[in-house]
C-alpha atoms as a PDB file:
ATOM      1  CA  MET A   1      24.258  12.202  20.794  1.00  0.00           C
ATOM      2  CA  ASN A   2      22.610  15.068  22.285  1.00  0.00           C
ATOM      3  CA  GLN A   3      21.221  15.969  18.889  1.00  0.00           C
ATOM      4  CA  LEU A   4      19.990  12.618  18.277  1.00  0.00           C
ATOM      5  CA  SER A   5      18.275  12.407  21.697  1.00  0.00           C
ATOM      6  CA  SER A   6      16.543  15.657  20.817  1.00  0.00           C
ATOM      7  CA  LEU A   7      15.587  14.471  17.324  1.00  0.00           C
ATOM      8  CA  ILE A   8      14.094  11.183  19.012  1.00  0.00           C
ATOM      9  CA  ALA A   9      12.063  13.307  21.299  1.00  0.00           C
ATOM     10  CA  ASP A  10      10.751  15.401  18.405  1.00  0.00           C
ATOM     11  CA  TRP A  11      10.028  12.326  16.266  1.00  0.00           C
ATOM     12  CA  LEU A  12       7.948  10.742  19.116  1.00  0.00           C
ATOM     13  CA  THR A  13       6.047  13.841  19.623  1.00  0.00           C
ATOM     14  CA  ALA A  14       5.265  14.082  15.861  1.00  0.00           C
ATOM     15  CA  LYS A  15       4.218  10.599  15.745  1.00  0.00           C
ATOM     16  CA  GLU A  16       1.935  10.907  18.181  1.00  0.00           C
ATOM     17  CA  ALA A  17       0.380  14.064  16.749  1.00  0.00           C
ATOM     18  CA  GLU A  18       0.101  12.429  13.465  1.00  0.00           C
ATOM     19  CA  ARG A  19      -1.491   9.227  14.818  1.00  0.00           C
ATOM     20  CA  ALA A  20      -4.166  11.524  16.662  1.00  0.00           C
ATOM     21  CA  ALA A  21      -4.762  13.597  13.687  1.00  0.00           C
ATOM     22  CA  ASN A  22      -5.201  10.613  11.520  1.00  0.00           C
ATOM     23  CA  LEU A  23      -7.743   9.094  13.836  1.00  0.00           C
ATOM     24  CA  ARG A  24      -9.655  12.471  13.791  1.00  0.00           C
ATOM     25  CA  ARG A  25      -9.493  12.480  10.041  1.00  0.00           C
ATOM     26  CA  VAL A  26     -10.846   9.138   9.687  1.00  0.00           C
ATOM     27  CA  GLU A  27     -13.681   9.517  12.096  1.00  0.00           C
ATOM     28  CA  ILE A  28     -14.705  12.800  10.134  1.00  0.00           C
ATOM     29  CA  GLU A  29     -14.573  10.998   6.982  1.00  0.00           C
ATOM     30  CA  ARG A  30     -16.851   8.120   8.465  1.00  0.00           C
ATOM     31  CA  GLN A  31     -19.228  10.723   9.437  1.00  0.00           C
ATOM     32  CA  MET A  32     -19.427  12.489   5.999  1.00  0.00           C
ATOM     33  CA  THR A  33     -20.091   9.058   4.521  1.00  0.00           C
ATOM     34  CA  GLN A  34     -23.041   8.598   6.849  1.00  0.00           C
ATOM     35  CA  LEU A  35     -24.314  12.078   5.527  1.00  0.00           C
ATOM     36  CA  LEU A  36     -23.520  11.255   2.058  1.00  0.00           C
ATOM     37  CA  PRO A  37     -24.520   7.709   1.142  1.00  0.00           C
ATOM     38  CA  ILE A  38     -25.050   6.329  -2.134  1.00  0.00           C
ATOM     39  CA  GLU A  39     -27.282   3.220  -3.291  1.00  0.00           C
ATOM     40  CA  GLY A  40     -25.262   0.098  -4.277  1.00  0.00           C
ATOM     41  CA  ALA A  41     -21.662  -0.346  -3.767  1.00  0.00           C
ATOM     42  CA  GLU A  42     -19.744   2.004  -6.368  1.00  0.00           C
ATOM     43  CA  GLY A  43     -20.199   5.260  -7.298  1.00  0.00           C
ATOM     44  CA  SER A  44     -19.821   8.916  -5.974  1.00  0.00           C
ATOM     45  CA  VAL A  45     -22.085  11.490  -4.357  1.00  0.00           C
ATOM     46  CA  ARG A  46     -20.898  15.330  -4.309  1.00  0.00           C
ATOM     47  CA  ALA A  47     -22.300  17.904  -1.872  1.00  0.00           C
ATOM     48  CA  GLU A  48     -21.613  21.772  -1.320  1.00  0.00           C
ATOM     49  CA  ALA A  49     -21.330  23.372   2.015  1.00  0.00           C
ATOM     50  CA  ALA A  50     -19.484  26.508   3.623  1.00  0.00           C
ATOM     51  CA  GLY A  51     -18.050  27.230   0.137  1.00  0.00           C
ATOM     52  CA  TYR A  52     -16.511  23.909  -0.139  1.00  0.00           C
ATOM     53  CA  ALA A  53     -17.215  20.858  -2.679  1.00  0.00           C
ATOM     54  CA  VAL A  54     -17.160  17.545  -0.968  1.00  0.00           C
ATOM     55  CA  ARG A  55     -17.063  14.359  -2.918  1.00  0.00           C
ATOM     56  CA  VAL A  56     -17.177  10.783  -1.501  1.00  0.00           C
ATOM     57  CA  SER A  57     -16.308   8.001  -3.784  1.00  0.00           C
ATOM     58  CA  TYR A  58     -17.380   4.485  -3.193  1.00  0.00           C
ATOM     59  CA  LYS A  59     -15.239   1.582  -4.689  1.00  0.00           C
ATOM     60  CA  VAL A  60     -14.810  -2.131  -4.128  1.00  0.00           C
ATOM     61  CA  THR A  61     -11.691  -4.087  -4.359  1.00  0.00           C
ATOM     62  CA  ARG A  62     -11.474  -6.896  -6.730  1.00  0.00           C
ATOM     63  CA  SER A  63      -8.784  -9.581  -6.536  1.00  0.00           C
ATOM     64  CA  VAL A  64      -8.204 -12.614  -8.730  1.00  0.00           C
ATOM     65  CA  ASP A  65      -7.261 -16.188  -7.878  1.00  0.00           C
ATOM     66  CA  SER A  66      -4.200 -16.307 -10.307  1.00  0.00           C
ATOM     67  CA  GLU A  67      -4.063 -20.134 -10.070  1.00  0.00           C
ATOM     68  CA  ALA A  68      -7.805 -20.890 -10.572  1.00  0.00           C
ATOM     69  CA  LEU A  69      -7.735 -18.224 -13.570  1.00  0.00           C
ATOM     70  CA  THR A  70      -4.598 -19.934 -15.175  1.00  0.00           C
ATOM     71  CA  SER A  71      -6.343 -23.063 -15.233  1.00  0.00           C
ATOM     72  CA  LEU A  72      -9.478 -21.557 -16.996  1.00  0.00           C
ATOM     73  CA  TRP A  73      -7.086 -19.367 -19.405  1.00  0.00           C
ATOM     74  CA  GLN A  74      -7.230 -21.686 -22.382  1.00  0.00           C
ATOM     75  CA  GLY A  75     -10.944 -22.109 -22.488  1.00  0.00           C
ATOM     76  CA  LEU A  76     -11.871 -18.532 -21.953  1.00  0.00           C
ATOM     77  CA  ASP A  77     -13.245 -16.244 -24.819  1.00  0.00           C
ATOM     78  CA  ALA A  78     -10.976 -13.518 -25.953  1.00  0.00           C
ATOM     79  CA  ARG A  79     -13.400 -10.934 -24.516  1.00  0.00           C
ATOM     80  CA  ALA A  80     -13.156 -12.676 -21.157  1.00  0.00           C
ATOM     81  CA  LYS A  81      -9.391 -12.627 -21.313  1.00  0.00           C
ATOM     82  CA  ARG A  82      -9.447  -8.874 -21.902  1.00  0.00           C
ATOM     83  CA  ALA A  83     -10.737  -8.203 -18.599  1.00  0.00           C
ATOM     84  CA  PHE A  84      -7.642  -9.283 -16.828  1.00  0.00           C
ATOM     85  CA  SER A  85      -3.927  -7.866 -17.292  1.00  0.00           C
ATOM     86  CA  TRP A  86      -0.845  -9.837 -15.781  1.00  0.00           C
ATOM     87  CA  LYS A  87       1.823  -8.029 -13.996  1.00  0.00           C
ATOM     88  CA  ALA A  88       5.099  -9.747 -12.781  1.00  0.00           C
ATOM     89  CA  THR A  89       6.501  -9.115  -9.509  1.00  0.00           C
ATOM     90  CA  VAL A  90       9.742  -9.929  -8.057  1.00  0.00           C
ATOM     91  CA  LYS A  91      10.169 -12.341  -5.449  1.00  0.00           C
ATOM     92  CA  ALA A  92      13.221 -10.928  -3.608  1.00  0.00           C
ATOM     93  CA  LYS A  93      14.237 -14.339  -1.966  1.00  0.00           C
ATOM     94  CA  GLU A  94      14.552 -16.120  -5.206  1.00  0.00           C
ATOM     95  CA  LEU A  95      16.077 -13.155  -6.876  1.00  0.00           C
ATOM     96  CA  TYR A  96      18.788 -13.064  -4.307  1.00  0.00           C
ATOM     97  CA  ALA A  97      19.446 -16.628  -4.607  1.00  0.00           C
ATOM     98  CA  LEU A  98      19.931 -16.336  -8.208  1.00  0.00           C
ATOM     99  CA  GLN A  99      22.306 -13.426  -7.877  1.00  0.00           C
ATOM    100  CA  ASP A 100      24.323 -15.344  -5.459  1.00  0.00           C
ATOM    101  CA  MET A 101      24.253 -18.869  -6.722  1.00  0.00           C
ATOM    102  CA  ALA A 102      23.662 -18.739 -10.279  1.00  0.00           C
ATOM    103  CA  PRO A 103      24.933 -15.354 -11.613  1.00  0.00           C
ATOM    104  CA  ASP A 104      24.813 -16.732 -15.180  1.00  0.00           C
ATOM    105  CA  ILE A 105      21.244 -16.968 -14.944  1.00  0.00           C
ATOM    106  CA  TYR A 106      20.470 -13.791 -13.049  1.00  0.00           C
ATOM    107  CA  ARG A 107      22.387 -11.847 -15.958  1.00  0.00           C
ATOM    108  CA  THR A 108      19.663 -13.142 -18.411  1.00  0.00           C
ATOM    109  CA  ILE A 109      16.830 -11.552 -16.406  1.00  0.00           C
ATOM    110  CA  ALA A 110      18.736  -8.482 -14.571  1.00  0.00           C
ATOM    111  CA  GLY A 111      17.967  -6.206 -17.495  1.00  0.00           C
ATOM    112  CA  VAL A 112      14.109  -6.443 -17.205  1.00  0.00           C
ATOM    113  CA  ILE A 113      14.320  -5.622 -13.507  1.00  0.00           C
ATOM    114  CA  GLU A 114      14.074  -1.928 -12.575  1.00  0.00           C
ATOM    115  CA  THR A 115      15.742  -1.098  -9.237  1.00  0.00           C
ATOM    116  CA  SER A 116      15.015   2.270  -7.519  1.00  0.00           C
ATOM    117  CA  PRO A 117      15.835   3.228  -3.725  1.00  0.00           C
ATOM    118  CA  ALA A 118      12.733   3.350  -1.482  1.00  0.00           C
ATOM    119  CA  LYS A 119      12.083   5.825   1.311  1.00  0.00           C
ATOM    120  CA  PRO A 120      14.335   5.031   4.338  1.00  0.00           C
ATOM    121  CA  SER A 121      12.228   3.481   7.180  1.00  0.00           C
ATOM    122  CA  VAL A 122      12.868   4.972  10.732  1.00  0.00           C
ATOM    123  CA  SER A 123      11.540   3.088  13.840  1.00  0.00           C
ATOM    124  CA  ILE A 124      12.101   3.955  17.259  1.00  0.00           C
ATOM    125  CA  ASP A 125      11.263   1.477  19.980  1.00  0.00           C
ATOM    126  CA  ALA A 126      11.865   2.027  23.889  1.00  0.00           C
ATOM    127  CA  ILE A 127      14.632  -0.106  25.155  1.00  0.00           C
ATOM    128  CA  GLU A 128      13.694  -2.313  28.264  1.00  0.00           C
ATOM    129  CA  ARG A 129      16.042  -1.601  30.991  1.00  0.00           C
ATOM    130  CA  GLY A 130      16.658  -4.918  33.215  1.00  0.00           C
ATOM    131  CA  THR A 131      17.945  -4.524  36.850  1.00  0.00           C
ATOM    132  CA  ALA A 132      20.918  -5.980  37.455  1.00  0.00           C
END
């Protein structure tokens, strides 16, 4: 366990350095955006200094109320419909239920579901020691 204790200490040190570096980078980026603004909400600006080119891109995030769109869909012009794409997502809880309780139904959809391993997640939390 001595190796694990050492790795925990190294991880905690690295995690704190990462957090501090991230905060510093975000603050520097904020300052750059103040120096390089654009008119409007979207677009980009480029500047050069000290032998480097900096580009700041401004974007907006758009989301769709899928239920509202579905209710409008039949009446929409084909050109309006082309502005949207549909992407299926897996509801893991429902998928597991099918797998366990209705394997015959699960088999009908299993071929369209791609499964690949995600990056393992590591978390380290201090253990509160109670006084006994």
